[in-house]
Amino acid sequence: GVLFNGCLPGYSEYARARMRVAPSPPS
């Protein structure tokens, strides 16, 4: 019942330095 999308910019400074999430390619 759930489908969420990726993004076009891809791995960002916020994702890396603030969220510390695993790198994900833009999709």
mmCIF file of all heavy atoms, coordinates in Angstrom:
data_MODEL
# 
_entry.id   MODEL 
# 
loop_
_atom_site.group_PDB 
_atom_site.id 
_atom_site.type_symbol 
_atom_site.label_atom_id 
_atom_site.label_alt_id 
_atom_site.label_comp_id 
_atom_site.label_asym_id 
_atom_site.label_entity_id 
_atom_site.label_seq_id 
_atom_site.pdbx_PDB_ins_code 
_atom_site.Cartn_x 
_atom_site.Cartn_y 
_atom_site.Cartn_z 
_atom_site.occupancy 
_atom_site.B_iso_or_equiv 
_atom_site.pdbx_formal_charge 
_atom_site.auth_seq_id 
_atom_site.auth_comp_id 
_atom_site.auth_asym_id 
_atom_site.auth_atom_id 
_atom_site.pdbx_PDB_model_num 
ATOM 1   N N   . GLY A 1 1  ? 0.777  -1.234 0.000   1.00 0.00 ? 1  GLY A N   1 
ATOM 2   C CA  . GLY A 1 1  ? 0.000  0.000  0.000   1.00 0.00 ? 1  GLY A CA  1 
ATOM 3   C C   . GLY A 1 1  ? 0.806  1.279  0.000   1.00 0.00 ? 1  GLY A C   1 
ATOM 4   O O   . GLY A 1 1  ? 0.239  2.361  0.124   1.00 0.00 ? 1  GLY A O   1 
ATOM 5   N N   . VAL A 1 2  ? 2.123  1.198  -0.166  1.00 0.00 ? 2  VAL A N   1 
ATOM 6   C CA  . VAL A 1 2  ? 2.994  2.370  -0.072  1.00 0.00 ? 2  VAL A CA  1 
ATOM 7   C C   . VAL A 1 2  ? 4.017  2.330  -1.197  1.00 0.00 ? 2  VAL A C   1 
ATOM 8   O O   . VAL A 1 2  ? 4.681  1.306  -1.404  1.00 0.00 ? 2  VAL A O   1 
ATOM 9   C CB  . VAL A 1 2  ? 3.739  2.422  1.285   1.00 0.00 ? 2  VAL A CB  1 
ATOM 10  C CG1 . VAL A 1 2  ? 4.613  3.666  1.364   1.00 0.00 ? 2  VAL A CG1 1 
ATOM 11  C CG2 . VAL A 1 2  ? 2.760  2.362  2.447   1.00 0.00 ? 2  VAL A CG2 1 
ATOM 12  N N   . LEU A 1 3  ? 4.162  3.441  -1.920  1.00 0.00 ? 3  LEU A N   1 
ATOM 13  C CA  . LEU A 1 3  ? 5.226  3.566  -2.917  1.00 0.00 ? 3  LEU A CA  1 
ATOM 14  C C   . LEU A 1 3  ? 5.757  4.988  -2.857  1.00 0.00 ? 3  LEU A C   1 
ATOM 15  O O   . LEU A 1 3  ? 5.043  5.939  -3.180  1.00 0.00 ? 3  LEU A O   1 
ATOM 16  C CB  . LEU A 1 3  ? 4.708  3.239  -4.329  1.00 0.00 ? 3  LEU A CB  1 
ATOM 17  C CG  . LEU A 1 3  ? 5.770  2.915  -5.397  1.00 0.00 ? 3  LEU A CG  1 
ATOM 18  C CD1 . LEU A 1 3  ? 5.126  2.203  -6.585  1.00 0.00 ? 3  LEU A CD1 1 
ATOM 19  C CD2 . LEU A 1 3  ? 6.500  4.148  -5.888  1.00 0.00 ? 3  LEU A CD2 1 
ATOM 20  N N   . PHE A 1 4  ? 7.004  5.122  -2.389  1.00 0.00 ? 4  PHE A N   1 
ATOM 21  C CA  . PHE A 1 4  ? 7.647  6.436  -2.308  1.00 0.00 ? 4  PHE A CA  1 
ATOM 22  C C   . PHE A 1 4  ? 8.833  6.488  -3.260  1.00 0.00 ? 4  PHE A C   1 
ATOM 23  O O   . PHE A 1 4  ? 9.500  5.470  -3.498  1.00 0.00 ? 4  PHE A O   1 
ATOM 24  C CB  . PHE A 1 4  ? 8.086  6.742  -0.873  1.00 0.00 ? 4  PHE A CB  1 
ATOM 25  C CG  . PHE A 1 4  ? 7.039  7.488  -0.080  1.00 0.00 ? 4  PHE A CG  1 
ATOM 26  C CD1 . PHE A 1 4  ? 5.780  6.943  0.105   1.00 0.00 ? 4  PHE A CD1 1 
ATOM 27  C CD2 . PHE A 1 4  ? 7.308  8.728  0.466   1.00 0.00 ? 4  PHE A CD2 1 
ATOM 28  C CE1 . PHE A 1 4  ? 4.802  7.615  0.825   1.00 0.00 ? 4  PHE A CE1 1 
ATOM 29  C CE2 . PHE A 1 4  ? 6.341  9.418  1.182   1.00 0.00 ? 4  PHE A CE2 1 
ATOM 30  C CZ  . PHE A 1 4  ? 5.085  8.865  1.363   1.00 0.00 ? 4  PHE A CZ  1 
ATOM 31  N N   . ASN A 1 5  ? 9.097  7.683  -3.758  1.00 0.00 ? 5  ASN A N   1 
ATOM 32  C CA  . ASN A 1 5  ? 10.054 7.882  -4.836  1.00 0.00 ? 5  ASN A CA  1 
ATOM 33  C C   . ASN A 1 5  ? 11.425 8.317  -4.326  1.00 0.00 ? 5  ASN A C   1 
ATOM 34  O O   . ASN A 1 5  ? 11.560 8.822  -3.217  1.00 0.00 ? 5  ASN A O   1 
ATOM 35  C CB  . ASN A 1 5  ? 9.501  8.950  -5.799  1.00 0.00 ? 5  ASN A CB  1 
ATOM 36  C CG  . ASN A 1 5  ? 10.121 8.878  -7.172  1.00 0.00 ? 5  ASN A CG  1 
ATOM 37  O OD1 . ASN A 1 5  ? 10.741 7.890  -7.535  1.00 0.00 ? 5  ASN A OD1 1 
ATOM 38  N ND2 . ASN A 1 5  ? 9.958  9.935  -7.941  1.00 0.00 ? 5  ASN A ND2 1 
ATOM 39  N N   . GLY A 1 6  ? 12.440 8.142  -5.181  1.00 0.00 ? 6  GLY A N   1 
ATOM 40  C CA  . GLY A 1 6  ? 13.763 8.680  -4.915  1.00 0.00 ? 6  GLY A CA  1 
ATOM 41  C C   . GLY A 1 6  ? 13.827 10.142 -5.320  1.00 0.00 ? 6  GLY A C   1 
ATOM 42  O O   . GLY A 1 6  ? 12.819 10.854 -5.335  1.00 0.00 ? 6  GLY A O   1 
ATOM 43  N N   . CYS A 1 7  ? 15.013 10.622 -5.679  1.00 0.00 ? 7  CYS A N   1 
ATOM 44  C CA  . CYS A 1 7  ? 15.175 12.024 -6.046  1.00 0.00 ? 7  CYS A CA  1 
ATOM 45  C C   . CYS A 1 7  ? 16.175 12.144 -7.181  1.00 0.00 ? 7  CYS A C   1 
ATOM 46  O O   . CYS A 1 7  ? 16.920 11.204 -7.472  1.00 0.00 ? 7  CYS A O   1 
ATOM 47  C CB  . CYS A 1 7  ? 15.627 12.850 -4.852  1.00 0.00 ? 7  CYS A CB  1 
ATOM 48  S SG  . CYS A 1 7  ? 17.301 12.462 -4.287  1.00 0.00 ? 7  CYS A SG  1 
ATOM 49  N N   . LEU A 1 8  ? 16.208 13.310 -7.808  1.00 0.00 ? 8  LEU A N   1 
ATOM 50  C CA  . LEU A 1 8  ? 17.138 13.551 -8.906  1.00 0.00 ? 8  LEU A CA  1 
ATOM 51  C C   . LEU A 1 8  ? 18.491 14.087 -8.428  1.00 0.00 ? 8  LEU A C   1 
ATOM 52  O O   . LEU A 1 8  ? 19.518 13.744 -9.020  1.00 0.00 ? 8  LEU A O   1 
ATOM 53  C CB  . LEU A 1 8  ? 16.507 14.504 -9.926  1.00 0.00 ? 8  LEU A CB  1 
ATOM 54  C CG  . LEU A 1 8  ? 16.717 14.141 -11.397 1.00 0.00 ? 8  LEU A CG  1 
ATOM 55  C CD1 . LEU A 1 8  ? 16.216 12.739 -11.687 1.00 0.00 ? 8  LEU A CD1 1 
ATOM 56  C CD2 . LEU A 1 8  ? 15.988 15.141 -12.292 1.00 0.00 ? 8  LEU A CD2 1 
ATOM 57  N N   . PRO A 1 9  ? 18.561 14.913 -7.364  1.00 0.00 ? 9  PRO A N   1 
ATOM 58  C CA  . PRO A 1 9  ? 19.878 15.404 -6.935  1.00 0.00 ? 9  PRO A CA  1 
ATOM 59  C C   . PRO A 1 9  ? 20.789 14.298 -6.421  1.00 0.00 ? 9  PRO A C   1 
ATOM 60  O O   . PRO A 1 9  ? 22.002 14.352 -6.612  1.00 0.00 ? 9  PRO A O   1 
ATOM 61  C CB  . PRO A 1 9  ? 19.546 16.403 -5.827  1.00 0.00 ? 9  PRO A CB  1 
ATOM 62  C CG  . PRO A 1 9  ? 18.149 16.817 -6.092  1.00 0.00 ? 9  PRO A CG  1 
ATOM 63  C CD  . PRO A 1 9  ? 17.471 15.606 -6.663  1.00 0.00 ? 9  PRO A CD  1 
ATOM 64  N N   . GLY A 1 10 ? 20.237 13.293 -5.745  1.00 0.00 ? 10 GLY A N   1 
ATOM 65  C CA  . GLY A 1 10 ? 21.064 12.218 -5.208  1.00 0.00 ? 10 GLY A CA  1 
ATOM 66  C C   . GLY A 1 10 ? 21.690 12.572 -3.867  1.00 0.00 ? 10 GLY A C   1 
ATOM 67  O O   . GLY A 1 10 ? 21.243 13.481 -3.157  1.00 0.00 ? 10 GLY A O   1 
ATOM 68  N N   . TYR A 1 11 ? 22.749 11.879 -3.530  1.00 0.00 ? 11 TYR A N   1 
ATOM 69  C CA  . TYR A 1 11 ? 23.436 11.993 -2.238  1.00 0.00 ? 11 TYR A CA  1 
ATOM 70  C C   . TYR A 1 11 ? 23.932 13.422 -2.046  1.00 0.00 ? 11 TYR A C   1 
ATOM 71  O O   . TYR A 1 11 ? 24.679 13.962 -2.859  1.00 0.00 ? 11 TYR A O   1 
ATOM 72  C CB  . TYR A 1 11 ? 24.602 11.019 -2.228  1.00 0.00 ? 11 TYR A CB  1 
ATOM 73  C CG  . TYR A 1 11 ? 25.226 10.757 -0.882  1.00 0.00 ? 11 TYR A CG  1 
ATOM 74  C CD1 . TYR A 1 11 ? 24.466 10.393 0.213   1.00 0.00 ? 11 TYR A CD1 1 
ATOM 75  C CD2 . TYR A 1 11 ? 26.616 10.845 -0.732  1.00 0.00 ? 11 TYR A CD2 1 
ATOM 76  C CE1 . TYR A 1 11 ? 25.057 10.126 1.435   1.00 0.00 ? 11 TYR A CE1 1 
ATOM 77  C CE2 . TYR A 1 11 ? 27.224 10.561 0.481   1.00 0.00 ? 11 TYR A CE2 1 
ATOM 78  C CZ  . TYR A 1 11 ? 26.446 10.210 1.567   1.00 0.00 ? 11 TYR A CZ  1 
ATOM 79  O OH  . TYR A 1 11 ? 27.037 9.943  2.770   1.00 0.00 ? 11 TYR A OH  1 
ATOM 80  N N   . SER A 1 12 ? 23.518 14.034 -0.932  1.00 0.00 ? 12 SER A N   1 
ATOM 81  C CA  . SER A 1 12 ? 23.813 15.452 -0.714  1.00 0.00 ? 12 SER A CA  1 
ATOM 82  C C   . SER A 1 12 ? 24.621 15.663 0.560   1.00 0.00 ? 12 SER A C   1 
ATOM 83  O O   . SER A 1 12 ? 24.833 14.744 1.353   1.00 0.00 ? 12 SER A O   1 
ATOM 84  C CB  . SER A 1 12 ? 22.508 16.238 -0.619  1.00 0.00 ? 12 SER A CB  1 
ATOM 85  O OG  . SER A 1 12 ? 21.802 15.890 0.563   1.00 0.00 ? 12 SER A OG  1 
ATOM 86  N N   . GLU A 1 13 ? 25.032 16.915 0.774   1.00 0.00 ? 13 GLU A N   1 
ATOM 87  C CA  . GLU A 1 13 ? 25.767 17.270 1.990   1.00 0.00 ? 13 GLU A CA  1 
ATOM 88  C C   . GLU A 1 13 ? 24.901 17.022 3.224   1.00 0.00 ? 13 GLU A C   1 
ATOM 89  O O   . GLU A 1 13 ? 25.396 16.580 4.255   1.00 0.00 ? 13 GLU A O   1 
ATOM 90  C CB  . GLU A 1 13 ? 26.188 18.743 1.947   1.00 0.00 ? 13 GLU A CB  1 
ATOM 91  C CG  . GLU A 1 13 ? 26.984 19.142 0.729   1.00 0.00 ? 13 GLU A CG  1 
ATOM 92  C CD  . GLU A 1 13 ? 26.128 19.656 -0.409  1.00 0.00 ? 13 GLU A CD  1 
ATOM 93  O OE1 . GLU A 1 13 ? 24.912 19.349 -0.432  1.00 0.00 ? 13 GLU A OE1 1 
ATOM 94  O OE2 . GLU A 1 13 ? 26.671 20.360 -1.273  1.00 0.00 ? 13 GLU A OE2 1 
ATOM 95  N N   . TYR A 1 14 ? 23.599 17.310 3.107   1.00 0.00 ? 14 TYR A N   1 
ATOM 96  C CA  . TYR A 1 14 ? 22.699 17.115 4.247   1.00 0.00 ? 14 TYR A CA  1 
ATOM 97  C C   . TYR A 1 14 ? 22.595 15.633 4.592   1.00 0.00 ? 14 TYR A C   1 
ATOM 98  O O   . TYR A 1 14 ? 22.660 15.252 5.769   1.00 0.00 ? 14 TYR A O   1 
ATOM 99  C CB  . TYR A 1 14 ? 21.321 17.682 3.903   1.00 0.00 ? 14 TYR A CB  1 
ATOM 100 C CG  . TYR A 1 14 ? 20.340 17.638 5.051   1.00 0.00 ? 14 TYR A CG  1 
ATOM 101 C CD1 . TYR A 1 14 ? 20.299 18.650 6.001   1.00 0.00 ? 14 TYR A CD1 1 
ATOM 102 C CD2 . TYR A 1 14 ? 19.456 16.568 5.188   1.00 0.00 ? 14 TYR A CD2 1 
ATOM 103 C CE1 . TYR A 1 14 ? 19.402 18.606 7.052   1.00 0.00 ? 14 TYR A CE1 1 
ATOM 104 C CE2 . TYR A 1 14 ? 18.560 16.519 6.247   1.00 0.00 ? 14 TYR A CE2 1 
ATOM 105 C CZ  . TYR A 1 14 ? 18.540 17.539 7.179   1.00 0.00 ? 14 TYR A CZ  1 
ATOM 106 O OH  . TYR A 1 14 ? 17.664 17.485 8.232   1.00 0.00 ? 14 TYR A OH  1 
ATOM 107 N N   . ALA A 1 15 ? 22.424 14.788 3.566   1.00 0.00 ? 15 ALA A N   1 
ATOM 108 C CA  . ALA A 1 15 ? 22.307 13.350 3.811   1.00 0.00 ? 15 ALA A CA  1 
ATOM 109 C C   . ALA A 1 15 ? 23.589 12.794 4.429   1.00 0.00 ? 15 ALA A C   1 
ATOM 110 O O   . ALA A 1 15 ? 23.543 11.917 5.296   1.00 0.00 ? 15 ALA A O   1 
ATOM 111 C CB  . ALA A 1 15 ? 22.003 12.624 2.506   1.00 0.00 ? 15 ALA A CB  1 
ATOM 112 N N   . ARG A 1 16 ? 24.723 13.325 3.992   1.00 0.00 ? 16 ARG A N   1 
ATOM 113 C CA  . ARG A 1 16 ? 26.002 12.789 4.460   1.00 0.00 ? 16 ARG A CA  1 
ATOM 114 C C   . ARG A 1 16 ? 26.368 13.307 5.852   1.00 0.00 ? 16 ARG A C   1 
ATOM 115 O O   . ARG A 1 16 ? 26.707 12.528 6.747   1.00 0.00 ? 16 ARG A O   1 
ATOM 116 C CB  . ARG A 1 16 ? 27.112 13.175 3.476   1.00 0.00 ? 16 ARG A CB  1 
ATOM 117 C CG  . ARG A 1 16 ? 28.480 12.658 3.872   1.00 0.00 ? 16 ARG A CG  1 
ATOM 118 C CD  . ARG A 1 16 ? 29.565 13.050 2.883   1.00 0.00 ? 16 ARG A CD  1 
ATOM 119 N NE  . ARG A 1 16 ? 30.832 12.481 3.308   1.00 0.00 ? 16 ARG A NE  1 
ATOM 120 C CZ  . ARG A 1 16 ? 31.645 13.065 4.184   1.00 0.00 ? 16 ARG A CZ  1 
ATOM 121 N NH1 . ARG A 1 16 ? 31.319 14.246 4.702   1.00 0.00 ? 16 ARG A NH1 1 
ATOM 122 N NH2 . ARG A 1 16 ? 32.767 12.482 4.551   1.00 0.00 ? 16 ARG A NH2 1 
ATOM 123 N N   . ALA A 1 17 ? 26.300 14.639 6.042   1.00 0.00 ? 17 ALA A N   1 
ATOM 124 C CA  . ALA A 1 17 ? 26.821 15.231 7.270   1.00 0.00 ? 17 ALA A CA  1 
ATOM 125 C C   . ALA A 1 17 ? 25.786 15.335 8.384   1.00 0.00 ? 17 ALA A C   1 
ATOM 126 O O   . ALA A 1 17 ? 26.145 15.267 9.561   1.00 0.00 ? 17 ALA A O   1 
ATOM 127 C CB  . ALA A 1 17 ? 27.386 16.624 6.969   1.00 0.00 ? 17 ALA A CB  1 
ATOM 128 N N   . ARG A 1 18 ? 24.515 15.494 8.039   1.00 0.00 ? 18 ARG A N   1 
ATOM 129 C CA  . ARG A 1 18 ? 23.495 15.660 9.064   1.00 0.00 ? 18 ARG A CA  1 
ATOM 130 C C   . ARG A 1 18 ? 22.751 14.370 9.367   1.00 0.00 ? 18 ARG A C   1 
ATOM 131 O O   . ARG A 1 18 ? 22.519 14.020 10.525  1.00 0.00 ? 18 ARG A O   1 
ATOM 132 C CB  . ARG A 1 18 ? 22.498 16.743 8.627   1.00 0.00 ? 18 ARG A CB  1 
ATOM 133 C CG  . ARG A 1 18 ? 23.087 18.128 8.512   1.00 0.00 ? 18 ARG A CG  1 
ATOM 134 C CD  . ARG A 1 18 ? 23.425 18.720 9.872   1.00 0.00 ? 18 ARG A CD  1 
ATOM 135 N NE  . ARG A 1 18 ? 22.236 18.854 10.693  1.00 0.00 ? 18 ARG A NE  1 
ATOM 136 C CZ  . ARG A 1 18 ? 21.412 19.887 10.647  1.00 0.00 ? 18 ARG A CZ  1 
ATOM 137 N NH1 . ARG A 1 18 ? 21.657 20.882 9.807   1.00 0.00 ? 18 ARG A NH1 1 
ATOM 138 N NH2 . ARG A 1 18 ? 20.358 19.958 11.428  1.00 0.00 ? 18 ARG A NH2 1 
ATOM 139 N N   . MET A 1 19 ? 22.347 13.642 8.310   1.00 0.00 ? 19 MET A N   1 
ATOM 140 C CA  . MET A 1 19 ? 21.579 12.422 8.503   1.00 0.00 ? 19 MET A CA  1 
ATOM 141 C C   . MET A 1 19 ? 22.464 11.186 8.680   1.00 0.00 ? 19 MET A C   1 
ATOM 142 O O   . MET A 1 19 ? 22.056 10.212 9.314   1.00 0.00 ? 19 MET A O   1 
ATOM 143 C CB  . MET A 1 19 ? 20.652 12.200 7.309   1.00 0.00 ? 19 MET A CB  1 
ATOM 144 C CG  . MET A 1 19 ? 19.615 13.299 7.109   1.00 0.00 ? 19 MET A CG  1 
ATOM 145 S SD  . MET A 1 19 ? 18.372 13.329 8.402   1.00 0.00 ? 19 MET A SD  1 
ATOM 146 C CE  . MET A 1 19 ? 17.452 11.842 8.034   1.00 0.00 ? 19 MET A CE  1 
ATOM 147 N N   . ARG A 1 20 ? 23.667 11.218 8.077   1.00 0.00 ? 20 ARG A N   1 
ATOM 148 C CA  . ARG A 1 20 ? 24.587 10.072 8.120   1.00 0.00 ? 20 ARG A CA  1 
ATOM 149 C C   . ARG A 1 20 ? 23.923 8.800  7.579   1.00 0.00 ? 20 ARG A C   1 
ATOM 150 O O   . ARG A 1 20 ? 24.059 7.711  8.137   1.00 0.00 ? 20 ARG A O   1 
ATOM 151 C CB  . ARG A 1 20 ? 25.098 9.831  9.544   1.00 0.00 ? 20 ARG A CB  1 
ATOM 152 C CG  . ARG A 1 20 ? 26.003 10.937 10.060  1.00 0.00 ? 20 ARG A CG  1 
ATOM 153 C CD  . ARG A 1 20 ? 27.274 11.055 9.253   1.00 0.00 ? 20 ARG A CD  1 
ATOM 154 N NE  . ARG A 1 20 ? 28.171 12.102 9.772   1.00 0.00 ? 20 ARG A NE  1 
ATOM 155 C CZ  . ARG A 1 20 ? 29.316 12.474 9.203   1.00 0.00 ? 20 ARG A CZ  1 
ATOM 156 N NH1 . ARG A 1 20 ? 29.692 11.887 8.074   1.00 0.00 ? 20 ARG A NH1 1 
ATOM 157 N NH2 . ARG A 1 20 ? 30.052 13.413 9.732   1.00 0.00 ? 20 ARG A NH2 1 
ATOM 158 N N   . VAL A 1 21 ? 23.210 8.986  6.461   1.00 0.00 ? 21 VAL A N   1 
ATOM 159 C CA  . VAL A 1 21 ? 22.565 7.834  5.840   1.00 0.00 ? 21 VAL A CA  1 
ATOM 160 C C   . VAL A 1 21 ? 23.481 7.251  4.770   1.00 0.00 ? 21 VAL A C   1 
ATOM 161 O O   . VAL A 1 21 ? 24.429 7.895  4.310   1.00 0.00 ? 21 VAL A O   1 
ATOM 162 C CB  . VAL A 1 21 ? 21.208 8.228  5.206   1.00 0.00 ? 21 VAL A CB  1 
ATOM 163 C CG1 . VAL A 1 21 ? 20.254 8.697  6.277   1.00 0.00 ? 21 VAL A CG1 1 
ATOM 164 C CG2 . VAL A 1 21 ? 21.392 9.310  4.159   1.00 0.00 ? 21 VAL A CG2 1 
ATOM 165 N N   . ALA A 1 22 ? 23.202 6.023  4.366   1.00 0.00 ? 22 ALA A N   1 
ATOM 166 C CA  . ALA A 1 22 ? 24.009 5.361  3.346   1.00 0.00 ? 22 ALA A CA  1 
ATOM 167 C C   . ALA A 1 22 ? 23.834 6.075  2.007   1.00 0.00 ? 22 ALA A C   1 
ATOM 168 O O   . ALA A 1 22 ? 22.737 6.502  1.668   1.00 0.00 ? 22 ALA A O   1 
ATOM 169 C CB  . ALA A 1 22 ? 23.594 3.898  3.209   1.00 0.00 ? 22 ALA A CB  1 
ATOM 170 N N   . PRO A 1 23 ? 24.906 6.220  1.231   1.00 0.00 ? 23 PRO A N   1 
ATOM 171 C CA  . PRO A 1 23 ? 24.791 6.857  -0.089  1.00 0.00 ? 23 PRO A CA  1 
ATOM 172 C C   . PRO A 1 23 ? 23.804 6.111  -0.974  1.00 0.00 ? 23 PRO A C   1 
ATOM 173 O O   . PRO A 1 23 ? 23.768 4.884  -0.999  1.00 0.00 ? 23 PRO A O   1 
ATOM 174 C CB  . PRO A 1 23 ? 26.213 6.767  -0.652  1.00 0.00 ? 23 PRO A CB  1 
ATOM 175 C CG  . PRO A 1 23 ? 27.089 6.593  0.539   1.00 0.00 ? 23 PRO A CG  1 
ATOM 176 C CD  . PRO A 1 23 ? 26.291 5.811  1.532   1.00 0.00 ? 23 PRO A CD  1 
ATOM 177 N N   . SER A 1 24 ? 22.981 6.879  -1.684  1.00 0.00 ? 24 SER A N   1 
ATOM 178 C CA  . SER A 1 24 ? 22.004 6.295  -2.593  1.00 0.00 ? 24 SER A CA  1 
ATOM 179 C C   . SER A 1 24 ? 22.071 7.054  -3.908  1.00 0.00 ? 24 SER A C   1 
ATOM 180 O O   . SER A 1 24 ? 22.065 8.288  -3.917  1.00 0.00 ? 24 SER A O   1 
ATOM 181 C CB  . SER A 1 24 ? 20.598 6.396  -1.996  1.00 0.00 ? 24 SER A CB  1 
ATOM 182 O OG  . SER A 1 24 ? 19.637 5.881  -2.879  1.00 0.00 ? 24 SER A OG  1 
ATOM 183 N N   . PRO A 1 25 ? 22.154 6.352  -5.031  1.00 0.00 ? 25 PRO A N   1 
ATOM 184 C CA  . PRO A 1 25 ? 22.259 7.040  -6.320  1.00 0.00 ? 25 PRO A CA  1 
ATOM 185 C C   . PRO A 1 25 ? 20.955 7.742  -6.686  1.00 0.00 ? 25 PRO A C   1 
ATOM 186 O O   . PRO A 1 25 ? 19.874 7.312  -6.265  1.00 0.00 ? 25 PRO A O   1 
ATOM 187 C CB  . PRO A 1 25 ? 22.563 5.908  -7.295  1.00 0.00 ? 25 PRO A CB  1 
ATOM 188 C CG  . PRO A 1 25 ? 21.977 4.697  -6.656  1.00 0.00 ? 25 PRO A CG  1 
ATOM 189 C CD  . PRO A 1 25 ? 22.145 4.884  -5.177  1.00 0.00 ? 25 PRO A CD  1 
ATOM 190 N N   . PRO A 1 26 ? 21.023 8.813  -7.456  1.00 0.00 ? 26 PRO A N   1 
ATOM 191 C CA  . PRO A 1 26 ? 19.803 9.505  -7.883  1.00 0.00 ? 26 PRO A CA  1 
ATOM 192 C C   . PRO A 1 26 ? 18.939 8.596  -8.743  1.00 0.00 ? 26 PRO A C   1 
ATOM 193 O O   . PRO A 1 26 ? 19.436 7.934  -9.654  1.00 0.00 ? 26 PRO A O   1 
ATOM 194 C CB  . PRO A 1 26 ? 20.328 10.696 -8.684  1.00 0.00 ? 26 PRO A CB  1 
ATOM 195 C CG  . PRO A 1 26 ? 21.701 10.307 -9.103  1.00 0.00 ? 26 PRO A CG  1 
ATOM 196 C CD  . PRO A 1 26 ? 22.229 9.434  -8.019  1.00 0.00 ? 26 PRO A CD  1 
ATOM 197 N N   . SER A 1 27 ? 17.641 8.554  -8.436  1.00 0.00 ? 27 SER A N   1 
ATOM 198 C CA  . SER A 1 27 ? 16.755 7.649  -9.166  1.00 0.00 ? 27 SER A CA  1 
ATOM 199 C C   . SER A 1 27 ? 15.330 8.184  -9.170  1.00 0.00 ? 27 SER A C   1 
ATOM 200 O O   . SER A 1 27 ? 14.954 9.006  -8.345  1.00 0.00 ? 27 SER A O   1 
ATOM 201 C CB  . SER A 1 27 ? 16.768 6.247  -8.538  1.00 0.00 ? 27 SER A CB  1 
ATOM 202 O OG  . SER A 1 27 ? 16.160 6.278  -7.253  1.00 0.00 ? 27 SER A OG  1 
# 
